[in-house]
Amino acid sequence: MEQNELTAKLSQLHTELAKTHEVDAESLDLLRKLTADIGRLLDGKDDAGDEDTEGVASGLKDLLLKFESEHPELAITVGKVADALASIGI
């Protein structure tokens, strides 16, 4: 999967979040942090350390688990983002 597709999936997630008014501030802050971390990883993929990659993976898992029960449709999109990251080696 190309980085363009990952960017599209992140954009889709943000669009879905904008439509969902029940998402708590903590989840939105986590998503913003993860998006920034993903952007840094993509910008310097070769320089990304295992700790950075593990932090993003862990954060996505946490967000996915939270959304699975509260916002199943968002959980699907978060899962797609995680899959896109895995396909490009992050």
PDB file of N, CA and C in Angstrom:
ATOM      1  N   MET A   1       0.844  -1.166   0.000  1.00  0.00           N
ATOM      2  CA  MET A   1       0.000   0.000   0.000  1.00  0.00           C
ATOM      3  C   MET A   1       0.897   1.239   0.000  1.00  0.00           C
ATOM      4  N   GLU A   2       0.529   2.208  -0.756  1.00  0.00           N
ATOM      5  CA  GLU A   2       1.289   3.441  -0.891  1.00  0.00           C
ATOM      6  C   GLU A   2       0.997   4.391   0.272  1.00  0.00           C
ATOM      7  N   GLN A   3       1.921   5.307   0.484  1.00  0.00           N
ATOM      8  CA  GLN A   3       1.710   6.322   1.517  1.00  0.00           C
ATOM      9  C   GLN A   3       0.488   7.175   1.205  1.00  0.00           C
ATOM     10  N   ASN A   4       0.197   7.344  -0.095  1.00  0.00           N
ATOM     11  CA  ASN A   4      -0.992   8.117  -0.476  1.00  0.00           C
ATOM     12  C   ASN A   4      -2.260   7.462   0.037  1.00  0.00           C
ATOM     13  N   GLU A   5      -2.304   6.139  -0.021  1.00  0.00           N
ATOM     14  CA  GLU A   5      -3.478   5.427   0.471  1.00  0.00           C
ATOM     15  C   GLU A   5      -3.589   5.557   1.987  1.00  0.00           C
ATOM     16  N   LEU A   6      -2.457   5.526   2.669  1.00  0.00           N
ATOM     17  CA  LEU A   6      -2.465   5.708   4.119  1.00  0.00           C
ATOM     18  C   LEU A   6      -2.984   7.097   4.461  1.00  0.00           C
ATOM     19  N   THR A   7      -2.497   8.089   3.745  1.00  0.00           N
ATOM     20  CA  THR A   7      -2.955   9.456   3.966  1.00  0.00           C
ATOM     21  C   THR A   7      -4.453   9.565   3.739  1.00  0.00           C
ATOM     22  N   ALA A   8      -4.957   8.890   2.723  1.00  0.00           N
ATOM     23  CA  ALA A   8      -6.396   8.904   2.439  1.00  0.00           C
ATOM     24  C   ALA A   8      -7.176   8.254   3.580  1.00  0.00           C
ATOM     25  N   LYS A   9      -6.649   7.162   4.134  1.00  0.00           N
ATOM     26  CA  LYS A   9      -7.327   6.482   5.238  1.00  0.00           C
ATOM     27  C   LYS A   9      -7.320   7.351   6.498  1.00  0.00           C
ATOM     28  N   LEU A  10      -6.230   8.050   6.741  1.00  0.00           N
ATOM     29  CA  LEU A  10      -6.196   8.968   7.881  1.00  0.00           C
ATOM     30  C   LEU A  10      -7.202  10.098   7.691  1.00  0.00           C
ATOM     31  N   SER A  11      -7.285  10.597   6.480  1.00  0.00           N
ATOM     32  CA  SER A  11      -8.259  11.649   6.173  1.00  0.00           C
ATOM     33  C   SER A  11      -9.683  11.142   6.379  1.00  0.00           C
ATOM     34  N   GLN A  12      -9.930   9.910   5.947  1.00  0.00           N
ATOM     35  CA  GLN A  12     -11.249   9.301   6.127  1.00  0.00           C
ATOM     36  C   GLN A  12     -11.581   9.193   7.620  1.00  0.00           C
ATOM     37  N   LEU A  13     -10.597   8.808   8.427  1.00  0.00           N
ATOM     38  CA  LEU A  13     -10.817   8.693   9.855  1.00  0.00           C
ATOM     39  C   LEU A  13     -11.169  10.047  10.458  1.00  0.00           C
ATOM     40  N   HIS A  14     -10.442  11.086  10.061  1.00  0.00           N
ATOM     41  CA  HIS A  14     -10.741  12.426  10.572  1.00  0.00           C
ATOM     42  C   HIS A  14     -12.137  12.889  10.142  1.00  0.00           C
ATOM     43  N   THR A  15     -12.523  12.570   8.916  1.00  0.00           N
ATOM     44  CA  THR A  15     -13.859  12.934   8.437  1.00  0.00           C
ATOM     45  C   THR A  15     -14.936  12.237   9.258  1.00  0.00           C
ATOM     46  N   GLU A  16     -14.739  10.946   9.511  1.00  0.00           N
ATOM     47  CA  GLU A  16     -15.711  10.201  10.312  1.00  0.00           C
ATOM     48  C   GLU A  16     -15.779  10.742  11.734  1.00  0.00           C
ATOM     49  N   LEU A  17     -14.635  11.100  12.285  1.00  0.00           N
ATOM     50  CA  LEU A  17     -14.621  11.665  13.635  1.00  0.00           C
ATOM     51  C   LEU A  17     -15.359  12.995  13.692  1.00  0.00           C
ATOM     52  N   ALA A  18     -15.219  13.789  12.649  1.00  0.00           N
ATOM     53  CA  ALA A  18     -15.902  15.081  12.612  1.00  0.00           C
ATOM     54  C   ALA A  18     -17.419  14.905  12.612  1.00  0.00           C
ATOM     55  N   LYS A  19     -17.894  13.810  12.041  1.00  0.00           N
ATOM     56  CA  LYS A  19     -19.333  13.531  11.998  1.00  0.00           C
ATOM     57  C   LYS A  19     -19.846  12.944  13.303  1.00  0.00           C
ATOM     58  N   THR A  20     -18.946  12.369  14.097  1.00  0.00           N
ATOM     59  CA  THR A  20     -19.330  11.688  15.324  1.00  0.00           C
ATOM     60  C   THR A  20     -19.076  12.620  16.496  1.00  0.00           C
ATOM     61  N   HIS A  21     -20.130  13.139  17.066  1.00  0.00           N
ATOM     62  CA  HIS A  21     -19.998  14.117  18.141  1.00  0.00           C
ATOM     63  C   HIS A  21     -19.874  13.472  19.512  1.00  0.00           C
ATOM     64  N   GLU A  22     -20.027  12.160  19.587  1.00  0.00           N
ATOM     65  CA  GLU A  22     -19.971  11.488  20.879  1.00  0.00           C
ATOM     66  C   GLU A  22     -18.564  11.070  21.283  1.00  0.00           C
ATOM     67  N   VAL A  23     -17.560  11.325  20.463  1.00  0.00           N
ATOM     68  CA  VAL A  23     -16.197  10.920  20.783  1.00  0.00           C
ATOM     69  C   VAL A  23     -15.656  11.871  21.852  1.00  0.00           C
ATOM     70  N   ASP A  24     -15.095  11.270  22.910  1.00  0.00           N
ATOM     71  CA  ASP A  24     -14.609  12.077  24.022  1.00  0.00           C
ATOM     72  C   ASP A  24     -13.300  12.784  23.676  1.00  0.00           C
ATOM     73  N   ALA A  25     -13.007  13.812  24.437  1.00  0.00           N
ATOM     74  CA  ALA A  25     -11.825  14.638  24.190  1.00  0.00           C
ATOM     75  C   ALA A  25     -10.537  13.827  24.296  1.00  0.00           C
ATOM     76  N   GLU A  26     -10.479  12.879  25.210  1.00  0.00           N
ATOM     77  CA  GLU A  26      -9.276  12.055  25.382  1.00  0.00           C
ATOM     78  C   GLU A  26      -8.979  11.259  24.108  1.00  0.00           C
ATOM     79  N   SER A  27     -10.012  10.686  23.509  1.00  0.00           N
ATOM     80  CA  SER A  27      -9.827   9.919  22.270  1.00  0.00           C
ATOM     81  C   SER A  27      -9.385  10.826  21.134  1.00  0.00           C
ATOM     82  N   LEU A  28      -9.971  12.008  21.051  1.00  0.00           N
ATOM     83  CA  LEU A  28      -9.575  12.950  20.001  1.00  0.00           C
ATOM     84  C   LEU A  28      -8.127  13.391  20.173  1.00  0.00           C
ATOM     85  N   ASP A  29      -7.716  13.629  21.419  1.00  0.00           N
ATOM     86  CA  ASP A  29      -6.322  14.002  21.668  1.00  0.00           C
ATOM     87  C   ASP A  29      -5.381  12.871  21.289  1.00  0.00           C
ATOM     88  N   LEU A  30      -5.757  11.636  21.620  1.00  0.00           N
ATOM     89  CA  LEU A  30      -4.931  10.483  21.260  1.00  0.00           C
ATOM     90  C   LEU A  30      -4.810  10.373  19.745  1.00  0.00           C
ATOM     91  N   LEU A  31      -5.917  10.566  19.042  1.00  0.00           N
ATOM     92  CA  LEU A  31      -5.886  10.493  17.584  1.00  0.00           C
ATOM     93  C   LEU A  31      -4.993  11.581  16.999  1.00  0.00           C
ATOM     94  N   ARG A  32      -5.086  12.785  17.527  1.00  0.00           N
ATOM     95  CA  ARG A  32      -4.233  13.878  17.028  1.00  0.00           C
ATOM     96  C   ARG A  32      -2.754  13.547  17.241  1.00  0.00           C
ATOM     97  N   LYS A  33      -2.428  13.011  18.417  1.00  0.00           N
ATOM     98  CA  LYS A  33      -1.044  12.651  18.713  1.00  0.00           C
ATOM     99  C   LYS A  33      -0.574  11.549  17.771  1.00  0.00           C
ATOM    100  N   LEU A  34      -1.424  10.539  17.573  1.00  0.00           N
ATOM    101  CA  LEU A  34      -1.056   9.434  16.686  1.00  0.00           C
ATOM    102  C   LEU A  34      -0.865   9.913  15.254  1.00  0.00           C
ATOM    103  N   THR A  35      -1.736  10.795  14.806  1.00  0.00           N
ATOM    104  CA  THR A  35      -1.616  11.329  13.450  1.00  0.00           C
ATOM    105  C   THR A  35      -0.297  12.079  13.286  1.00  0.00           C
ATOM    106  N   ALA A  36       0.058  12.871  14.284  1.00  0.00           N
ATOM    107  CA  ALA A  36       1.334  13.589  14.235  1.00  0.00           C
ATOM    108  C   ALA A  36       2.505  12.606  14.239  1.00  0.00           C
ATOM    109  N   ASP A  37       2.422  11.580  15.087  1.00  0.00           N
ATOM    110  CA  ASP A  37       3.489  10.570  15.140  1.00  0.00           C
ATOM    111  C   ASP A  37       3.621   9.826  13.810  1.00  0.00           C
ATOM    112  N   ILE A  38       2.492   9.483  13.216  1.00  0.00           N
ATOM    113  CA  ILE A  38       2.504   8.789  11.924  1.00  0.00           C
ATOM    114  C   ILE A  38       3.143   9.682  10.868  1.00  0.00           C
ATOM    115  N   GLY A  39       2.786  10.959  10.882  1.00  0.00           N
ATOM    116  CA  GLY A  39       3.384  11.901   9.935  1.00  0.00           C
ATOM    117  C   GLY A  39       4.896  11.971  10.080  1.00  0.00           C
ATOM    118  N   ARG A  40       5.379  12.008  11.322  1.00  0.00           N
ATOM    119  CA  ARG A  40       6.827  12.036  11.548  1.00  0.00           C
ATOM    120  C   ARG A  40       7.473  10.746  11.069  1.00  0.00           C
ATOM    121  N   LEU A  41       6.817   9.614  11.310  1.00  0.00           N
ATOM    122  CA  LEU A  41       7.360   8.341  10.842  1.00  0.00           C
ATOM    123  C   LEU A  41       7.430   8.290   9.322  1.00  0.00           C
ATOM    124  N   LEU A  42       6.407   8.796   8.666  1.00  0.00           N
ATOM    125  CA  LEU A  42       6.391   8.784   7.205  1.00  0.00           C
ATOM    126  C   LEU A  42       7.433   9.731   6.635  1.00  0.00           C
ATOM    127  N   ASP A  43       7.628  10.876   7.281  1.00  0.00           N
ATOM    128  CA  ASP A  43       8.620  11.845   6.796  1.00  0.00           C
ATOM    129  C   ASP A  43      10.037  11.320   6.936  1.00  0.00           C
ATOM    130  N   GLY A  44      10.298  10.582   7.995  1.00  0.00           N
ATOM    131  CA  GLY A  44      11.646  10.076   8.219  1.00  0.00           C
ATOM    132  C   GLY A  44      11.641   8.590   8.456  1.00  0.00           C
ATOM    133  N   LYS A  45      10.942   7.861   7.593  1.00  0.00           N
ATOM    134  CA  LYS A  45      10.743   6.428   7.780  1.00  0.00           C
ATOM    135  C   LYS A  45      12.041   5.678   8.019  1.00  0.00           C
ATOM    136  N   ASP A  46      13.089   6.027   7.295  1.00  0.00           N
ATOM    137  CA  ASP A  46      14.359   5.330   7.445  1.00  0.00           C
ATOM    138  C   ASP A  46      15.005   5.612   8.803  1.00  0.00           C
ATOM    139  N   ASP A  47      14.696   6.772   9.389  1.00  0.00           N
ATOM    140  CA  ASP A  47      15.286   7.155  10.668  1.00  0.00           C
ATOM    141  C   ASP A  47      14.425   6.744  11.854  1.00  0.00           C
ATOM    142  N   ALA A  48      13.226   6.222  11.588  1.00  0.00           N
ATOM    143  CA  ALA A  48      12.306   5.875  12.666  1.00  0.00           C
ATOM    144  C   ALA A  48      12.853   4.712  13.468  1.00  0.00           C
ATOM    145  N   GLY A  49      12.856   4.890  14.769  1.00  0.00           N
ATOM    146  CA  GLY A  49      13.317   3.827  15.637  1.00  0.00           C
ATOM    147  C   GLY A  49      12.193   2.861  15.968  1.00  0.00           C
ATOM    148  N   ASP A  50      12.581   1.703  16.488  1.00  0.00           N
ATOM    149  CA  ASP A  50      11.580   0.712  16.874  1.00  0.00           C
ATOM    150  C   ASP A  50      10.656   1.260  17.947  1.00  0.00           C
ATOM    151  N   GLU A  51      11.197   2.095  18.828  1.00  0.00           N
ATOM    152  CA  GLU A  51      10.387   2.669  19.898  1.00  0.00           C
ATOM    153  C   GLU A  51       9.286   3.557  19.326  1.00  0.00           C
ATOM    154  N   ASP A  52       9.616   4.365  18.307  1.00  0.00           N
ATOM    155  CA  ASP A  52       8.621   5.224  17.666  1.00  0.00           C
ATOM    156  C   ASP A  52       7.533   4.385  17.016  1.00  0.00           C
ATOM    157  N   THR A  53       7.952   3.361  16.295  1.00  0.00           N
ATOM    158  CA  THR A  53       7.000   2.493  15.605  1.00  0.00           C
ATOM    159  C   THR A  53       6.112   1.763  16.597  1.00  0.00           C
ATOM    160  N   GLU A  54       6.712   1.266  17.665  1.00  0.00           N
ATOM    161  CA  GLU A  54       5.933   0.553  18.680  1.00  0.00           C
ATOM    162  C   GLU A  54       4.947   1.480  19.375  1.00  0.00           C
ATOM    163  N   GLY A  55       5.345   2.734  19.585  1.00  0.00           N
ATOM    164  CA  GLY A  55       4.444   3.704  20.208  1.00  0.00           C
ATOM    165  C   GLY A  55       3.211   3.957  19.361  1.00  0.00           C
ATOM    166  N   VAL A  56       3.405   4.089  18.058  1.00  0.00           N
ATOM    167  CA  VAL A  56       2.270   4.294  17.153  1.00  0.00           C
ATOM    168  C   VAL A  56       1.388   3.057  17.139  1.00  0.00           C
ATOM    169  N   ALA A  57       1.998   1.885  17.035  1.00  0.00           N
ATOM    170  CA  ALA A  57       1.222   0.642  17.011  1.00  0.00           C
ATOM    171  C   ALA A  57       0.429   0.480  18.297  1.00  0.00           C
ATOM    172  N   SER A  58       1.051   0.754  19.422  1.00  0.00           N
ATOM    173  CA  SER A  58       0.377   0.634  20.712  1.00  0.00           C
ATOM    174  C   SER A  58      -0.782   1.626  20.822  1.00  0.00           C
ATOM    175  N   GLY A  59      -0.542   2.853  20.376  1.00  0.00           N
ATOM    176  CA  GLY A  59      -1.592   3.866  20.422  1.00  0.00           C
ATOM    177  C   GLY A  59      -2.775   3.507  19.543  1.00  0.00           C
ATOM    178  N   LEU A  60      -2.494   2.971  18.356  1.00  0.00           N
ATOM    179  CA  LEU A  60      -3.589   2.555  17.472  1.00  0.00           C
ATOM    180  C   LEU A  60      -4.386   1.409  18.089  1.00  0.00           C
ATOM    181  N   LYS A  61      -3.695   0.473  18.726  1.00  0.00           N
ATOM    182  CA  LYS A  61      -4.397  -0.633  19.381  1.00  0.00           C
ATOM    183  C   LYS A  61      -5.288  -0.120  20.500  1.00  0.00           C
ATOM    184  N   ASP A  62      -4.770   0.813  21.294  1.00  0.00           N
ATOM    185  CA  ASP A  62      -5.567   1.386  22.380  1.00  0.00           C
ATOM    186  C   ASP A  62      -6.811   2.080  21.839  1.00  0.00           C
ATOM    187  N   LEU A  63      -6.623   2.868  20.792  1.00  0.00           N
ATOM    188  CA  LEU A  63      -7.742   3.584  20.181  1.00  0.00           C
ATOM    189  C   LEU A  63      -8.743   2.603  19.583  1.00  0.00           C
ATOM    190  N   LEU A  64      -8.244   1.568  18.939  1.00  0.00           N
ATOM    191  CA  LEU A  64      -9.106   0.558  18.340  1.00  0.00           C
ATOM    192  C   LEU A  64      -9.948  -0.138  19.402  1.00  0.00           C
ATOM    193  N   LEU A  65      -9.337  -0.535  20.494  1.00  0.00           N
ATOM    194  CA  LEU A  65     -10.070  -1.199  21.573  1.00  0.00           C
ATOM    195  C   LEU A  65     -11.139  -0.283  22.165  1.00  0.00           C
ATOM    196  N   LYS A  66     -10.805   0.972  22.336  1.00  0.00           N
ATOM    197  CA  LYS A  66     -11.768   1.930  22.886  1.00  0.00           C
ATOM    198  C   LYS A  66     -12.954   2.112  21.938  1.00  0.00           C
ATOM    199  N   PHE A  67     -12.658   2.230  20.651  1.00  0.00           N
ATOM    200  CA  PHE A  67     -13.708   2.470  19.676  1.00  0.00           C
ATOM    201  C   PHE A  67     -14.546   1.234  19.377  1.00  0.00           C
ATOM    202  N   GLU A  68     -13.997   0.039  19.550  1.00  0.00           N
ATOM    203  CA  GLU A  68     -14.742  -1.181  19.220  1.00  0.00           C
ATOM    204  C   GLU A  68     -16.080  -1.242  19.942  1.00  0.00           C
ATOM    205  N   SER A  69     -16.092  -0.869  21.201  1.00  0.00           N
ATOM    206  CA  SER A  69     -17.338  -0.942  21.949  1.00  0.00           C
ATOM    207  C   SER A  69     -18.178   0.319  21.810  1.00  0.00           C
ATOM    208  N   GLU A  70     -17.520   1.472  21.726  1.00  0.00           N
ATOM    209  CA  GLU A  70     -18.249   2.734  21.712  1.00  0.00           C
ATOM    210  C   GLU A  70     -18.607   3.231  20.312  1.00  0.00           C
ATOM    211  N   HIS A  71     -17.737   2.974  19.343  1.00  0.00           N
ATOM    212  CA  HIS A  71     -17.919   3.493  17.982  1.00  0.00           C
ATOM    213  C   HIS A  71     -17.418   2.456  16.979  1.00  0.00           C
ATOM    214  N   PRO A  72     -18.191   1.403  16.727  1.00  0.00           N
ATOM    215  CA  PRO A  72     -17.717   0.308  15.875  1.00  0.00           C
ATOM    216  C   PRO A  72     -17.277   0.743  14.475  1.00  0.00           C
ATOM    217  N   GLU A  73     -17.951   1.711  13.881  1.00  0.00           N
ATOM    218  CA  GLU A  73     -17.571   2.139  12.535  1.00  0.00           C
ATOM    219  C   GLU A  73     -16.212   2.838  12.539  1.00  0.00           C
ATOM    220  N   LEU A  74     -15.945   3.602  13.590  1.00  0.00           N
ATOM    221  CA  LEU A  74     -14.634   4.229  13.706  1.00  0.00           C
ATOM    222  C   LEU A  74     -13.558   3.182  13.934  1.00  0.00           C
ATOM    223  N   ALA A  75     -13.892   2.132  14.667  1.00  0.00           N
ATOM    224  CA  ALA A  75     -12.925   1.052  14.913  1.00  0.00           C
ATOM    225  C   ALA A  75     -12.497   0.407  13.601  1.00  0.00           C
ATOM    226  N   ILE A  76     -13.424   0.259  12.683  1.00  0.00           N
ATOM    227  CA  ILE A  76     -13.096  -0.328  11.379  1.00  0.00           C
ATOM    228  C   ILE A  76     -12.086   0.560  10.652  1.00  0.00           C
ATOM    229  N   THR A  77     -12.304   1.866  10.679  1.00  0.00           N
ATOM    230  CA  THR A  77     -11.401   2.789   9.999  1.00  0.00           C
ATOM    231  C   THR A  77     -10.037   2.807  10.678  1.00  0.00           C
ATOM    232  N   VAL A  78     -10.004   2.784  12.014  1.00  0.00           N
ATOM    233  CA  VAL A  78      -8.726   2.730  12.729  1.00  0.00           C
ATOM    234  C   VAL A  78      -7.979   1.451  12.353  1.00  0.00           C
ATOM    235  N   GLY A  79      -8.709   0.355  12.230  1.00  0.00           N
ATOM    236  CA  GLY A  79      -8.096  -0.904  11.803  1.00  0.00           C
ATOM    237  C   GLY A  79      -7.506  -0.807  10.413  1.00  0.00           C
ATOM    238  N   LYS A  80      -8.177  -0.106   9.524  1.00  0.00           N
ATOM    239  CA  LYS A  80      -7.665   0.077   8.170  1.00  0.00           C
ATOM    240  C   LYS A  80      -6.386   0.911   8.171  1.00  0.00           C
ATOM    241  N   VAL A  81      -6.340   1.913   9.047  1.00  0.00           N
ATOM    242  CA  VAL A  81      -5.120   2.717   9.160  1.00  0.00           C
ATOM    243  C   VAL A  81      -3.978   1.851   9.657  1.00  0.00           C
ATOM    244  N   ALA A  82      -4.255   1.011  10.659  1.00  0.00           N
ATOM    245  CA  ALA A  82      -3.227   0.117  11.195  1.00  0.00           C
ATOM    246  C   ALA A  82      -2.742  -0.857  10.107  1.00  0.00           C
ATOM    247  N   ASP A  83      -3.666  -1.376   9.325  1.00  0.00           N
ATOM    248  CA  ASP A  83      -3.281  -2.264   8.232  1.00  0.00           C
ATOM    249  C   ASP A  83      -2.428  -1.554   7.187  1.00  0.00           C
ATOM    250  N   ALA A  84      -2.780  -0.304   6.888  1.00  0.00           N
ATOM    251  CA  ALA A  84      -2.012   0.465   5.911  1.00  0.00           C
ATOM    252  C   ALA A  84      -0.592   0.727   6.422  1.00  0.00           C
ATOM    253  N   LEU A  85      -0.476   1.025   7.704  1.00  0.00           N
ATOM    254  CA  LEU A  85       0.858   1.229   8.276  1.00  0.00           C
ATOM    255  C   LEU A  85       1.682  -0.058   8.208  1.00  0.00           C
ATOM    256  N   ALA A  86       1.058  -1.153   8.537  1.00  0.00           N
ATOM    257  CA  ALA A  86       1.770  -2.446   8.501  1.00  0.00           C
ATOM    258  C   ALA A  86       2.234  -2.774   7.087  1.00  0.00           C
ATOM    259  N   SER A  87       1.423  -2.434   6.104  1.00  0.00           N
ATOM    260  CA  SER A  87       1.781  -2.774   4.728  1.00  0.00           C
ATOM    261  C   SER A  87       2.962  -1.972   4.203  1.00  0.00           C
ATOM    262  N   ILE A  88       3.242  -0.806   4.829  1.00  0.00           N
ATOM    263  CA  ILE A  88       4.414  -0.048   4.392  1.00  0.00           C
ATOM    264  C   ILE A  88       5.571  -0.199   5.380  1.00  0.00           C
ATOM    265  N   GLY A  89       5.422  -1.134   6.292  1.00  0.00           N
ATOM    266  CA  GLY A  89       6.522  -1.459   7.182  1.00  0.00           C
ATOM    267  C   GLY A  89       6.621  -0.666   8.454  1.00  0.00           C
ATOM    268  N   ILE A  90       5.536  -0.062   8.859  1.00  0.00           N
ATOM    269  CA  ILE A  90       5.528   0.710  10.114  1.00  0.00           C
ATOM    270  C   ILE A  90       4.654  -0.031  11.119  1.00  0.00           C
TER     271      ILE A  90
END
